[in-house]
Amino acid sequence: MLSMIGLVSLAGILVNDSIVMVEFIKLRLSEGMIPIEAFSQAGRDRFRAVVLTTATTCMGLMPMLLETSMQATVFKGLVVAIVFGELFSTTMILILIPCSYSVLGQAGLLATNDVNADAVSVTG
């Protein structure tokens, strides 16, 4: 049961990182960058924040992950779900989100007329 709670908390962290990544891509596109340039620039802009979120979460949970006492084994599933989920998903956010956004854009499945409206909310 605690592993499921760990997955829910992991999903919250990942959704936040993913939404901010998409907002930065939209902001770069609204500035007039070509799509491939906008994807790489957004990745560079958000790299530090995504990696620091992962590093602080993993380092904060590392003592509990390495603990061998009986009390710590109760929460081991929660910690394992968060730590290893964060480590795996960090690379996925930095690679998969821009690639998916590119594929959807090339397929014509993204609205282009609301890019400026969404980009204002990030800067304002």
PDB file of N, CA and C in Angstrom:
ATOM      1  N   MET A   1       0.820  -1.199   0.000  1.00  0.00           N
ATOM      2  CA  MET A   1       0.000   0.000   0.000  1.00  0.00           C
ATOM      3  C   MET A   1       0.870   1.272   0.000  1.00  0.00           C
ATOM      4  N   LEU A   2       1.951   1.231   0.754  1.00  0.00           N
ATOM      5  CA  LEU A   2       2.817   2.413   0.777  1.00  0.00           C
ATOM      6  C   LEU A   2       3.531   2.625  -0.553  1.00  0.00           C
ATOM      7  N   SER A   3       3.763   1.545  -1.300  1.00  0.00           N
ATOM      8  CA  SER A   3       4.356   1.700  -2.633  1.00  0.00           C
ATOM      9  C   SER A   3       3.428   2.480  -3.552  1.00  0.00           C
ATOM     10  N   MET A   4       2.133   2.246  -3.415  1.00  0.00           N
ATOM     11  CA  MET A   4       1.157   2.988  -4.222  1.00  0.00           C
ATOM     12  C   MET A   4       1.143   4.468  -3.843  1.00  0.00           C
ATOM     13  N   ILE A   5       1.292   4.767  -2.572  1.00  0.00           N
ATOM     14  CA  ILE A   5       1.378   6.162  -2.138  1.00  0.00           C
ATOM     15  C   ILE A   5       2.643   6.797  -2.707  1.00  0.00           C
ATOM     16  N   GLY A   6       3.740   6.032  -2.745  1.00  0.00           N
ATOM     17  CA  GLY A   6       4.976   6.520  -3.358  1.00  0.00           C
ATOM     18  C   GLY A   6       4.803   6.813  -4.831  1.00  0.00           C
ATOM     19  N   LEU A   7       4.059   5.976  -5.537  1.00  0.00           N
ATOM     20  CA  LEU A   7       3.811   6.214  -6.967  1.00  0.00           C
ATOM     21  C   LEU A   7       2.963   7.455  -7.191  1.00  0.00           C
ATOM     22  N   VAL A   8       2.002   7.695  -6.309  1.00  0.00           N
ATOM     23  CA  VAL A   8       1.170   8.893  -6.439  1.00  0.00           C
ATOM     24  C   VAL A   8       2.004  10.149  -6.206  1.00  0.00           C
ATOM     25  N   SER A   9       2.856  10.135  -5.197  1.00  0.00           N
ATOM     26  CA  SER A   9       3.705  11.304  -4.958  1.00  0.00           C
ATOM     27  C   SER A   9       4.722  11.486  -6.087  1.00  0.00           C
ATOM     28  N   LEU A  10       5.217  10.402  -6.631  1.00  0.00           N
ATOM     29  CA  LEU A  10       6.122  10.467  -7.784  1.00  0.00           C
ATOM     30  C   LEU A  10       5.406  11.078  -8.987  1.00  0.00           C
ATOM     31  N   ALA A  11       4.174  10.688  -9.205  1.00  0.00           N
ATOM     32  CA  ALA A  11       3.408  11.231 -10.329  1.00  0.00           C
ATOM     33  C   ALA A  11       3.228  12.743 -10.191  1.00  0.00           C
ATOM     34  N   GLY A  12       3.030  13.223  -8.989  1.00  0.00           N
ATOM     35  CA  GLY A  12       2.890  14.669  -8.783  1.00  0.00           C
ATOM     36  C   GLY A  12       4.142  15.429  -9.143  1.00  0.00           C
ATOM     37  N   ILE A  13       5.280  14.906  -8.764  1.00  0.00           N
ATOM     38  CA  ILE A  13       6.557  15.554  -9.085  1.00  0.00           C
ATOM     39  C   ILE A  13       6.783  15.551 -10.595  1.00  0.00           C
ATOM     40  N   LEU A  14       6.507  14.429 -11.227  1.00  0.00           N
ATOM     41  CA  LEU A  14       6.766  14.297 -12.664  1.00  0.00           C
ATOM     42  C   LEU A  14       5.830  15.152 -13.503  1.00  0.00           C
ATOM     43  N   VAL A  15       4.580  15.226 -13.097  1.00  0.00           N
ATOM     44  CA  VAL A  15       3.630  16.059 -13.839  1.00  0.00           C
ATOM     45  C   VAL A  15       4.054  17.515 -13.767  1.00  0.00           C
ATOM     46  N   ASN A  16       4.506  17.957 -12.611  1.00  0.00           N
ATOM     47  CA  ASN A  16       4.952  19.337 -12.474  1.00  0.00           C
ATOM     48  C   ASN A  16       6.145  19.613 -13.388  1.00  0.00           C
ATOM     49  N   ASP A  17       7.143  18.741 -13.388  1.00  0.00           N
ATOM     50  CA  ASP A  17       8.303  18.930 -14.257  1.00  0.00           C
ATOM     51  C   ASP A  17       7.907  18.905 -15.735  1.00  0.00           C
ATOM     52  N   SER A  18       7.000  18.024 -16.095  1.00  0.00           N
ATOM     53  CA  SER A  18       6.572  17.906 -17.494  1.00  0.00           C
ATOM     54  C   SER A  18       5.796  19.139 -17.953  1.00  0.00           C
ATOM     55  N   ILE A  19       4.917  19.640 -17.103  1.00  0.00           N
ATOM     56  CA  ILE A  19       4.137  20.830 -17.469  1.00  0.00           C
ATOM     57  C   ILE A  19       5.048  22.027 -17.671  1.00  0.00           C
ATOM     58  N   VAL A  20       6.007  22.194 -16.785  1.00  0.00           N
ATOM     59  CA  VAL A  20       6.929  23.324 -16.924  1.00  0.00           C
ATOM     60  C   VAL A  20       7.775  23.176 -18.183  1.00  0.00           C
ATOM     61  N   MET A  21       8.183  21.958 -18.517  1.00  0.00           N
ATOM     62  CA  MET A  21       8.959  21.729 -19.744  1.00  0.00           C
ATOM     63  C   MET A  21       8.139  22.115 -20.981  1.00  0.00           C
ATOM     64  N   VAL A  22       6.878  21.719 -21.031  1.00  0.00           N
ATOM     65  CA  VAL A  22       6.017  22.059 -22.171  1.00  0.00           C
ATOM     66  C   VAL A  22       5.790  23.570 -22.233  1.00  0.00           C
ATOM     67  N   GLU A  23       5.617  24.210 -21.088  1.00  0.00           N
ATOM     68  CA  GLU A  23       5.432  25.665 -21.078  1.00  0.00           C
ATOM     69  C   GLU A  23       6.674  26.379 -21.613  1.00  0.00           C
ATOM     70  N   PHE A  24       7.855  25.896 -21.272  1.00  0.00           N
ATOM     71  CA  PHE A  24       9.074  26.512 -21.784  1.00  0.00           C
ATOM     72  C   PHE A  24       9.232  26.268 -23.277  1.00  0.00           C
ATOM     73  N   ILE A  25       8.803  25.121 -23.760  1.00  0.00           N
ATOM     74  CA  ILE A  25       8.824  24.870 -25.208  1.00  0.00           C
ATOM     75  C   ILE A  25       7.884  25.854 -25.907  1.00  0.00           C
ATOM     76  N   LYS A  26       6.693  26.023 -25.379  1.00  0.00           N
ATOM     77  CA  LYS A  26       5.737  26.967 -25.970  1.00  0.00           C
ATOM     78  C   LYS A  26       6.268  28.390 -25.931  1.00  0.00           C
ATOM     79  N   LEU A  27       6.940  28.749 -24.853  1.00  0.00           N
ATOM     80  CA  LEU A  27       7.509  30.093 -24.744  1.00  0.00           C
ATOM     81  C   LEU A  27       8.569  30.320 -25.813  1.00  0.00           C
ATOM     82  N   ARG A  28       9.435  29.345 -26.015  1.00  0.00           N
ATOM     83  CA  ARG A  28      10.478  29.470 -27.040  1.00  0.00           C
ATOM     84  C   ARG A  28       9.874  29.516 -28.443  1.00  0.00           C
ATOM     85  N   LEU A  29       8.828  28.749 -28.675  1.00  0.00           N
ATOM     86  CA  LEU A  29       8.160  28.801 -29.984  1.00  0.00           C
ATOM     87  C   LEU A  29       7.503  30.149 -30.217  1.00  0.00           C
ATOM     88  N   SER A  30       6.939  30.739 -29.164  1.00  0.00           N
ATOM     89  CA  SER A  30       6.293  32.041 -29.312  1.00  0.00           C
ATOM     90  C   SER A  30       7.314  33.151 -29.547  1.00  0.00           C
ATOM     91  N   GLU A  31       8.565  32.915 -29.164  1.00  0.00           N
ATOM     92  CA  GLU A  31       9.634  33.884 -29.420  1.00  0.00           C
ATOM     93  C   GLU A  31      10.130  33.816 -30.858  1.00  0.00           C
ATOM     94  N   GLY A  32       9.616  32.838 -31.626  1.00  0.00           N
ATOM     95  CA  GLY A  32       9.976  32.743 -33.033  1.00  0.00           C
ATOM     96  C   GLY A  32      11.054  31.728 -33.351  1.00  0.00           C
ATOM     97  N   MET A  33      11.436  30.926 -32.379  1.00  0.00           N
ATOM     98  CA  MET A  33      12.445  29.894 -32.648  1.00  0.00           C
ATOM     99  C   MET A  33      11.847  28.794 -33.508  1.00  0.00           C
ATOM    100  N   ILE A  34      12.700  28.162 -34.305  1.00  0.00           N
ATOM    101  CA  ILE A  34      12.234  26.994 -35.045  1.00  0.00           C
ATOM    102  C   ILE A  34      12.046  25.854 -34.035  1.00  0.00           C
ATOM    103  N   PRO A  35      11.170  24.903 -34.328  1.00  0.00           N
ATOM    104  CA  PRO A  35      10.828  23.885 -33.321  1.00  0.00           C
ATOM    105  C   PRO A  35      12.017  23.127 -32.733  1.00  0.00           C
ATOM    106  N   ILE A  36      12.948  22.652 -33.542  1.00  0.00           N
ATOM    107  CA  ILE A  36      14.059  21.864 -33.001  1.00  0.00           C
ATOM    108  C   ILE A  36      14.931  22.713 -32.087  1.00  0.00           C
ATOM    109  N   GLU A  37      15.084  23.980 -32.422  1.00  0.00           N
ATOM    110  CA  GLU A  37      15.845  24.902 -31.581  1.00  0.00           C
ATOM    111  C   GLU A  37      15.102  25.175 -30.276  1.00  0.00           C
ATOM    112  N   ALA A  38      13.780  25.315 -30.367  1.00  0.00           N
ATOM    113  CA  ALA A  38      12.966  25.567 -29.173  1.00  0.00           C
ATOM    114  C   ALA A  38      13.023  24.383 -28.216  1.00  0.00           C
ATOM    115  N   PHE A  39      13.008  23.157 -28.750  1.00  0.00           N
ATOM    116  CA  PHE A  39      13.061  21.965 -27.897  1.00  0.00           C
ATOM    117  C   PHE A  39      14.392  21.880 -27.162  1.00  0.00           C
ATOM    118  N   SER A  40      15.488  22.116 -27.881  1.00  0.00           N
ATOM    119  CA  SER A  40      16.799  22.007 -27.233  1.00  0.00           C
ATOM    120  C   SER A  40      17.026  23.146 -26.243  1.00  0.00           C
ATOM    121  N   GLN A  41      16.552  24.342 -26.565  1.00  0.00           N
ATOM    122  CA  GLN A  41      16.704  25.478 -25.649  1.00  0.00           C
ATOM    123  C   GLN A  41      15.877  25.270 -24.385  1.00  0.00           C
ATOM    124  N   ALA A  42      14.662  24.756 -24.526  1.00  0.00           N
ATOM    125  CA  ALA A  42      13.825  24.486 -23.354  1.00  0.00           C
ATOM    126  C   ALA A  42      14.460  23.407 -22.486  1.00  0.00           C
ATOM    127  N   GLY A  43      15.065  22.411 -23.101  1.00  0.00           N
ATOM    128  CA  GLY A  43      15.772  21.377 -22.348  1.00  0.00           C
ATOM    129  C   GLY A  43      16.949  21.937 -21.571  1.00  0.00           C
ATOM    130  N   ARG A  44      17.688  22.842 -22.206  1.00  0.00           N
ATOM    131  CA  ARG A  44      18.810  23.482 -21.498  1.00  0.00           C
ATOM    132  C   ARG A  44      18.325  24.377 -20.375  1.00  0.00           C
ATOM    133  N   ASP A  45      17.216  25.092 -20.613  1.00  0.00           N
ATOM    134  CA  ASP A  45      16.681  25.988 -19.588  1.00  0.00           C
ATOM    135  C   ASP A  45      16.184  25.232 -18.352  1.00  0.00           C
ATOM    136  N   ARG A  46      15.585  24.083 -18.554  1.00  0.00           N
ATOM    137  CA  ARG A  46      14.987  23.329 -17.450  1.00  0.00           C
ATOM    138  C   ARG A  46      15.879  22.230 -16.900  1.00  0.00           C
ATOM    139  N   PHE A  47      17.038  21.981 -17.497  1.00  0.00           N
ATOM    140  CA  PHE A  47      17.904  20.881 -17.075  1.00  0.00           C
ATOM    141  C   PHE A  47      18.288  20.986 -15.603  1.00  0.00           C
ATOM    142  N   ARG A  48      18.751  22.144 -15.196  1.00  0.00           N
ATOM    143  CA  ARG A  48      19.206  22.322 -13.817  1.00  0.00           C
ATOM    144  C   ARG A  48      18.073  22.104 -12.825  1.00  0.00           C
ATOM    145  N   ALA A  49      16.910  22.650 -13.092  1.00  0.00           N
ATOM    146  CA  ALA A  49      15.786  22.508 -12.165  1.00  0.00           C
ATOM    147  C   ALA A  49      15.327  21.062 -12.044  1.00  0.00           C
ATOM    148  N   VAL A  50      15.259  20.359 -13.162  1.00  0.00           N
ATOM    149  CA  VAL A  50      14.817  18.955 -13.140  1.00  0.00           C
ATOM    150  C   VAL A  50      15.842  18.085 -12.416  1.00  0.00           C
ATOM    151  N   VAL A  51      17.119  18.294 -12.689  1.00  0.00           N
ATOM    152  CA  VAL A  51      18.158  17.492 -12.053  1.00  0.00           C
ATOM    153  C   VAL A  51      18.256  17.805 -10.562  1.00  0.00           C
ATOM    154  N   LEU A  52      18.125  19.076 -10.185  1.00  0.00           N
ATOM    155  CA  LEU A  52      18.171  19.422  -8.768  1.00  0.00           C
ATOM    156  C   LEU A  52      16.970  18.870  -8.006  1.00  0.00           C
ATOM    157  N   THR A  53      15.800  18.865  -8.626  1.00  0.00           N
ATOM    158  CA  THR A  53      14.634  18.259  -7.980  1.00  0.00           C
ATOM    159  C   THR A  53      14.879  16.788  -7.719  1.00  0.00           C
ATOM    160  N   THR A  54      15.415  16.104  -8.700  1.00  0.00           N
ATOM    161  CA  THR A  54      15.710  14.679  -8.553  1.00  0.00           C
ATOM    162  C   THR A  54      16.795  14.446  -7.505  1.00  0.00           C
ATOM    163  N   ALA A  55      17.853  15.227  -7.557  1.00  0.00           N
ATOM    164  CA  ALA A  55      18.971  15.035  -6.631  1.00  0.00           C
ATOM    165  C   ALA A  55      18.555  15.272  -5.188  1.00  0.00           C
ATOM    166  N   THR A  56      17.814  16.335  -4.936  1.00  0.00           N
ATOM    167  CA  THR A  56      17.412  16.612  -3.554  1.00  0.00           C
ATOM    168  C   THR A  56      16.440  15.569  -3.030  1.00  0.00           C
ATOM    169  N   THR A  57      15.529  15.114  -3.876  1.00  0.00           N
ATOM    170  CA  THR A  57      14.589  14.077  -3.450  1.00  0.00           C
ATOM    171  C   THR A  57      15.317  12.776  -3.146  1.00  0.00           C
ATOM    172  N   CYS A  58      16.202  12.367  -4.035  1.00  0.00           N
ATOM    173  CA  CYS A  58      16.930  11.100  -3.836  1.00  0.00           C
ATOM    174  C   CYS A  58      17.881  11.172  -2.654  1.00  0.00           C
ATOM    175  N   MET A  59      18.596  12.267  -2.513  1.00  0.00           N
ATOM    176  CA  MET A  59      19.527  12.396  -1.384  1.00  0.00           C
ATOM    177  C   MET A  59      18.776  12.486  -0.058  1.00  0.00           C
ATOM    178  N   GLY A  60      17.627  13.126  -0.054  1.00  0.00           N
ATOM    179  CA  GLY A  60      16.837  13.212   1.168  1.00  0.00           C
ATOM    180  C   GLY A  60      16.279  11.872   1.599  1.00  0.00           C
ATOM    181  N   LEU A  61      15.977  11.008   0.649  1.00  0.00           N
ATOM    182  CA  LEU A  61      15.416   9.694   0.967  1.00  0.00           C
ATOM    183  C   LEU A  61      16.477   8.604   1.083  1.00  0.00           C
ATOM    184  N   MET A  62      17.719   8.901   0.737  1.00  0.00           N
ATOM    185  CA  MET A  62      18.774   7.892   0.770  1.00  0.00           C
ATOM    186  C   MET A  62      19.008   7.294   2.158  1.00  0.00           C
ATOM    187  N   PRO A  63      19.013   8.073   3.264  1.00  0.00           N
ATOM    188  CA  PRO A  63      19.192   7.434   4.575  1.00  0.00           C
ATOM    189  C   PRO A  63      18.118   6.386   4.886  1.00  0.00           C
ATOM    190  N   MET A  64      16.881   6.660   4.501  1.00  0.00           N
ATOM    191  CA  MET A  64      15.831   5.690   4.752  1.00  0.00           C
ATOM    192  C   MET A  64      15.964   4.475   3.834  1.00  0.00           C
ATOM    193  N   LEU A  65      16.449   4.698   2.620  1.00  0.00           N
ATOM    194  CA  LEU A  65      16.643   3.594   1.687  1.00  0.00           C
ATOM    195  C   LEU A  65      17.740   2.640   2.166  1.00  0.00           C
ATOM    196  N   LEU A  66      18.768   3.194   2.786  1.00  0.00           N
ATOM    197  CA  LEU A  66      19.898   2.395   3.241  1.00  0.00           C
ATOM    198  C   LEU A  66      19.720   1.842   4.655  1.00  0.00           C
ATOM    199  N   GLU A  67      18.702   2.284   5.366  1.00  0.00           N
ATOM    200  CA  GLU A  67      18.453   1.829   6.740  1.00  0.00           C
ATOM    201  C   GLU A  67      18.021   0.368   6.749  1.00  0.00           C
ATOM    202  N   THR A  68      18.491  -0.372   7.749  1.00  0.00           N
ATOM    203  CA  THR A  68      18.175  -1.806   7.832  1.00  0.00           C
ATOM    204  C   THR A  68      17.300  -2.160   9.029  1.00  0.00           C
ATOM    205  N   SER A  69      16.894  -1.180   9.823  1.00  0.00           N
ATOM    206  CA  SER A  69      16.101  -1.491  11.017  1.00  0.00           C
ATOM    207  C   SER A  69      14.685  -1.924  10.636  1.00  0.00           C
ATOM    208  N   MET A  70      14.019  -2.537  11.573  1.00  0.00           N
ATOM    209  CA  MET A  70      12.663  -3.040  11.344  1.00  0.00           C
ATOM    210  C   MET A  70      11.670  -1.907  11.086  1.00  0.00           C
ATOM    211  N   GLN A  71      11.849  -0.792  11.778  1.00  0.00           N
ATOM    212  CA  GLN A  71      10.948   0.347  11.586  1.00  0.00           C
ATOM    213  C   GLN A  71      11.061   0.905  10.165  1.00  0.00           C
ATOM    214  N   ALA A  72      12.250   0.896   9.610  1.00  0.00           N
ATOM    215  CA  ALA A  72      12.462   1.455   8.267  1.00  0.00           C
ATOM    216  C   ALA A  72      11.908   0.544   7.177  1.00  0.00           C
ATOM    217  N   THR A  73      11.832  -0.747   7.434  1.00  0.00           N
ATOM    218  CA  THR A  73      11.342  -1.660   6.401  1.00  0.00           C
ATOM    219  C   THR A  73       9.873  -1.424   6.074  1.00  0.00           C
ATOM    220  N   VAL A  74       9.150  -0.816   6.990  1.00  0.00           N
ATOM    221  CA  VAL A  74       7.743  -0.510   6.727  1.00  0.00           C
ATOM    222  C   VAL A  74       7.617   0.486   5.580  1.00  0.00           C
ATOM    223  N   PHE A  75       8.513   1.464   5.545  1.00  0.00           N
ATOM    224  CA  PHE A  75       8.448   2.521   4.535  1.00  0.00           C
ATOM    225  C   PHE A  75       9.343   2.266   3.333  1.00  0.00           C
ATOM    226  N   LYS A  76       9.983   1.121   3.279  1.00  0.00           N
ATOM    227  CA  LYS A  76      10.930   0.812   2.207  1.00  0.00           C
ATOM    228  C   LYS A  76      10.276   0.849   0.820  1.00  0.00           C
ATOM    229  N   GLY A  77       9.074   0.332   0.681  1.00  0.00           N
ATOM    230  CA  GLY A  77       8.384   0.338  -0.605  1.00  0.00           C
ATOM    231  C   GLY A  77       8.107   1.737  -1.113  1.00  0.00           C
ATOM    232  N   LEU A  78       7.703   2.629  -0.214  1.00  0.00           N
ATOM    233  CA  LEU A  78       7.442   4.022  -0.565  1.00  0.00           C
ATOM    234  C   LEU A  78       8.720   4.687  -1.064  1.00  0.00           C
ATOM    235  N   VAL A  79       9.807   4.479  -0.348  1.00  0.00           N
ATOM    236  CA  VAL A  79      11.075   5.115  -0.690  1.00  0.00           C
ATOM    237  C   VAL A  79      11.626   4.562  -2.005  1.00  0.00           C
ATOM    238  N   VAL A  80      11.555   3.268  -2.185  1.00  0.00           N
ATOM    239  CA  VAL A  80      12.064   2.653  -3.420  1.00  0.00           C
ATOM    240  C   VAL A  80      11.287   3.169  -4.630  1.00  0.00           C
ATOM    241  N   ALA A  81       9.973   3.269  -4.498  1.00  0.00           N
ATOM    242  CA  ALA A  81       9.151   3.765  -5.612  1.00  0.00           C
ATOM    243  C   ALA A  81       9.524   5.190  -5.990  1.00  0.00           C
ATOM    244  N   ILE A  82       9.739   6.026  -5.003  1.00  0.00           N
ATOM    245  CA  ILE A  82      10.057   7.429  -5.292  1.00  0.00           C
ATOM    246  C   ILE A  82      11.472   7.570  -5.844  1.00  0.00           C
ATOM    247  N   VAL A  83      12.455   6.959  -5.191  1.00  0.00           N
ATOM    248  CA  VAL A  83      13.852   7.156  -5.588  1.00  0.00           C
ATOM    249  C   VAL A  83      14.120   6.612  -6.990  1.00  0.00           C
ATOM    250  N   PHE A  84      13.765   5.362  -7.227  1.00  0.00           N
ATOM    251  CA  PHE A  84      14.081   4.789  -8.539  1.00  0.00           C
ATOM    252  C   PHE A  84      13.161   5.326  -9.635  1.00  0.00           C
ATOM    253  N   GLY A  85      11.948   5.700  -9.278  1.00  0.00           N
ATOM    254  CA  GLY A  85      11.070   6.354 -10.248  1.00  0.00           C
ATOM    255  C   GLY A  85      11.605   7.705 -10.663  1.00  0.00           C
ATOM    256  N   GLU A  86      12.131   8.465  -9.714  1.00  0.00           N
ATOM    257  CA  GLU A  86      12.728   9.766 -10.015  1.00  0.00           C
ATOM    258  C   GLU A  86      13.964   9.618 -10.908  1.00  0.00           C
ATOM    259  N   LEU A  87      14.819   8.672 -10.573  1.00  0.00           N
ATOM    260  CA  LEU A  87      16.043   8.488 -11.365  1.00  0.00           C
ATOM    261  C   LEU A  87      15.727   8.110 -12.809  1.00  0.00           C
ATOM    262  N   PHE A  88      14.761   7.241 -13.007  1.00  0.00           N
ATOM    263  CA  PHE A  88      14.387   6.828 -14.352  1.00  0.00           C
ATOM    264  C   PHE A  88      13.677   7.945 -15.104  1.00  0.00           C
ATOM    265  N   SER A  89      12.767   8.610 -14.434  1.00  0.00           N
ATOM    266  CA  SER A  89      11.916   9.580 -15.124  1.00  0.00           C
ATOM    267  C   SER A  89      12.615  10.899 -15.427  1.00  0.00           C
ATOM    268  N   THR A  90      13.700  11.201 -14.747  1.00  0.00           N
ATOM    269  CA  THR A  90      14.424  12.438 -15.048  1.00  0.00           C
ATOM    270  C   THR A  90      14.927  12.429 -16.478  1.00  0.00           C
ATOM    271  N   THR A  91      15.516  11.324 -16.887  1.00  0.00           N
ATOM    272  CA  THR A  91      15.976  11.243 -18.270  1.00  0.00           C
ATOM    273  C   THR A  91      14.802  11.225 -19.239  1.00  0.00           C
ATOM    274  N   MET A  92      13.715  10.612 -18.832  1.00  0.00           N
ATOM    275  CA  MET A  92      12.542  10.566 -19.708  1.00  0.00           C
ATOM    276  C   MET A  92      11.943  11.954 -19.904  1.00  0.00           C
ATOM    277  N   ILE A  93      11.926  12.757 -18.856  1.00  0.00           N
ATOM    278  CA  ILE A  93      11.379  14.115 -18.982  1.00  0.00           C
ATOM    279  C   ILE A  93      12.254  14.944 -19.909  1.00  0.00           C
ATOM    280  N   LEU A  94      13.550  14.841 -19.745  1.00  0.00           N
ATOM    281  CA  LEU A  94      14.455  15.665 -20.543  1.00  0.00           C
ATOM    282  C   LEU A  94      14.556  15.199 -21.993  1.00  0.00           C
ATOM    283  N   ILE A  95      14.218  13.947 -22.265  1.00  0.00           N
ATOM    284  CA  ILE A  95      14.312  13.420 -23.634  1.00  0.00           C
ATOM    285  C   ILE A  95      12.934  13.191 -24.242  1.00  0.00           C
ATOM    286  N   LEU A  96      12.065  12.516 -23.524  1.00  0.00           N
ATOM    287  CA  LEU A  96      10.792  12.073 -24.082  1.00  0.00           C
ATOM    288  C   LEU A  96       9.793  13.214 -24.303  1.00  0.00           C
ATOM    289  N   ILE A  97       9.727  14.173 -23.405  1.00  0.00           N
ATOM    290  CA  ILE A  97       8.773  15.279 -23.552  1.00  0.00           C
ATOM    291  C   ILE A  97       9.068  16.103 -24.809  1.00  0.00           C
ATOM    292  N   PRO A  98      10.307  16.579 -25.029  1.00  0.00           N
ATOM    293  CA  PRO A  98      10.559  17.314 -26.277  1.00  0.00           C
ATOM    294  C   PRO A  98      10.346  16.470 -27.530  1.00  0.00           C
ATOM    295  N   CYS A  99      10.716  15.194 -27.483  1.00  0.00           N
ATOM    296  CA  CYS A  99      10.518  14.326 -28.652  1.00  0.00           C
ATOM    297  C   CYS A  99       9.034  14.116 -28.930  1.00  0.00           C
ATOM    298  N   SER A 100       8.255  13.878 -27.894  1.00  0.00           N
ATOM    299  CA  SER A 100       6.810  13.694 -28.064  1.00  0.00           C
ATOM    300  C   SER A 100       6.160  14.962 -28.585  1.00  0.00           C
ATOM    301  N   TYR A 101       6.581  16.088 -28.051  1.00  0.00           N
ATOM    302  CA  TYR A 101       6.033  17.369 -28.494  1.00  0.00           C
ATOM    303  C   TYR A 101       6.357  17.596 -29.972  1.00  0.00           C
ATOM    304  N   SER A 102       7.558  17.208 -30.389  1.00  0.00           N
ATOM    305  CA  SER A 102       7.955  17.345 -31.783  1.00  0.00           C
ATOM    306  C   SER A 102       7.114  16.461 -32.695  1.00  0.00           C
ATOM    307  N   VAL A 103       6.907  15.222 -32.293  1.00  0.00           N
ATOM    308  CA  VAL A 103       6.113  14.291 -33.102  1.00  0.00           C
ATOM    309  C   VAL A 103       4.673  14.776 -33.215  1.00  0.00           C
ATOM    310  N   LEU A 104       4.097  15.221 -32.109  1.00  0.00           N
ATOM    311  CA  LEU A 104       2.722  15.730 -32.148  1.00  0.00           C
ATOM    312  C   LEU A 104       2.615  16.986 -33.009  1.00  0.00           C
ATOM    313  N   GLY A 105       3.640  17.830 -32.965  1.00  0.00           N
ATOM    314  CA  GLY A 105       3.634  19.035 -33.790  1.00  0.00           C
ATOM    315  C   GLY A 105       3.724  18.720 -35.270  1.00  0.00           C
ATOM    316  N   GLN A 106       4.549  17.743 -35.616  1.00  0.00           N
ATOM    317  CA  GLN A 106       4.680  17.352 -37.021  1.00  0.00           C
ATOM    318  C   GLN A 106       3.422  16.668 -37.525  1.00  0.00           C
ATOM    319  N   ALA A 107       2.696  15.995 -36.647  1.00  0.00           N
ATOM    320  CA  ALA A 107       1.453  15.343 -37.041  1.00  0.00           C
ATOM    321  C   ALA A 107       0.290  16.333 -37.106  1.00  0.00           C
ATOM    322  N   GLY A 108       0.518  17.571 -36.672  1.00  0.00           N
ATOM    323  CA  GLY A 108      -0.522  18.588 -36.712  1.00  0.00           C
ATOM    324  C   GLY A 108      -1.537  18.459 -35.591  1.00  0.00           C
ATOM    325  N   LEU A 109      -1.162  17.825 -34.508  1.00  0.00           N
ATOM    326  CA  LEU A 109      -2.086  17.620 -33.394  1.00  0.00           C
ATOM    327  C   LEU A 109      -1.978  18.672 -32.308  1.00  0.00           C
ATOM    328  N   LEU A 110      -1.113  19.664 -32.489  1.00  0.00           N
ATOM    329  CA  LEU A 110      -0.967  20.731 -31.505  1.00  0.00           C
ATOM    330  C   LEU A 110      -1.578  22.012 -32.039  1.00  0.00           C
ATOM    331  N   ALA A 111      -2.281  22.728 -31.166  1.00  0.00           N
ATOM    332  CA  ALA A 111      -2.862  24.007 -31.551  1.00  0.00           C
ATOM    333  C   ALA A 111      -1.756  25.052 -31.568  1.00  0.00           C
ATOM    334  N   THR A 112      -1.660  25.802 -32.640  1.00  0.00           N
ATOM    335  CA  THR A 112      -0.610  26.809 -32.742  1.00  0.00           C
ATOM    336  C   THR A 112      -1.115  28.208 -32.437  1.00  0.00           C
ATOM    337  N   ASN A 113      -2.409  28.419 -32.406  1.00  0.00           N
ATOM    338  CA  ASN A 113      -2.923  29.761 -32.182  1.00  0.00           C
ATOM    339  C   ASN A 113      -2.949  30.160 -30.719  1.00  0.00           C
ATOM    340  N   ASP A 114      -2.840  29.221 -29.770  1.00  0.00           N
ATOM    341  CA  ASP A 114      -2.859  29.576 -28.359  1.00  0.00           C
ATOM    342  C   ASP A 114      -1.473  29.560 -27.721  1.00  0.00           C
ATOM    343  N   VAL A 115      -0.417  29.522 -28.535  1.00  0.00           N
ATOM    344  CA  VAL A 115       0.941  29.474 -28.000  1.00  0.00           C
ATOM    345  C   VAL A 115       1.258  30.763 -27.259  1.00  0.00           C
ATOM    346  N   ASN A 116       0.905  31.909 -27.832  1.00  0.00           N
ATOM    347  CA  ASN A 116       1.213  33.176 -27.177  1.00  0.00           C
ATOM    348  C   ASN A 116       0.451  33.359 -25.882  1.00  0.00           C
ATOM    349  N   ALA A 117      -0.782  32.915 -25.818  1.00  0.00           N
ATOM    350  CA  ALA A 117      -1.577  33.043 -24.607  1.00  0.00           C
ATOM    351  C   ALA A 117      -1.020  32.195 -23.471  1.00  0.00           C
ATOM    352  N   ASP A 118      -0.561  30.983 -23.797  1.00  0.00           N
ATOM    353  CA  ASP A 118       0.001  30.122 -22.773  1.00  0.00           C
ATOM    354  C   ASP A 118       1.374  30.592 -22.325  1.00  0.00           C
ATOM    355  N   ALA A 119       2.141  31.168 -23.224  1.00  0.00           N
ATOM    356  CA  ALA A 119       3.493  31.601 -22.885  1.00  0.00           C
ATOM    357  C   ALA A 119       3.484  32.783 -21.944  1.00  0.00           C
ATOM    358  N   VAL A 120       2.450  33.607 -22.000  1.00  0.00           N
ATOM    359  CA  VAL A 120       2.363  34.777 -21.118  1.00  0.00           C
ATOM    360  C   VAL A 120       2.241  34.342 -19.664  1.00  0.00           C
ATOM    361  N   SER A 121       1.564  33.214 -19.403  1.00  0.00           N
ATOM    362  CA  SER A 121       1.372  32.769 -18.028  1.00  0.00           C
ATOM    363  C   SER A 121       2.680  32.325 -17.393  1.00  0.00           C
ATOM    364  N   VAL A 122       3.669  31.883 -18.166  1.00  0.00           N
ATOM    365  CA  VAL A 122       4.950  31.457 -17.615  1.00  0.00           C
ATOM    366  C   VAL A 122       5.772  32.667 -17.207  1.00  0.00           C
ATOM    367  N   THR A 123       5.760  33.720 -18.025  1.00  0.00           N
ATOM    368  CA  THR A 123       6.603  34.871 -17.743  1.00  0.00           C
ATOM    369  C   THR A 123       5.925  35.856 -16.804  1.00  0.00           C
ATOM    370  N   GLY A 124       4.630  35.871 -16.760  1.00  0.00           N
ATOM    371  CA  GLY A 124       3.918  36.898 -15.989  1.00  0.00           C
ATOM    372  C   GLY A 124       3.554  36.506 -14.655  1.00  0.00           C
TER     373      GLY A 124
END
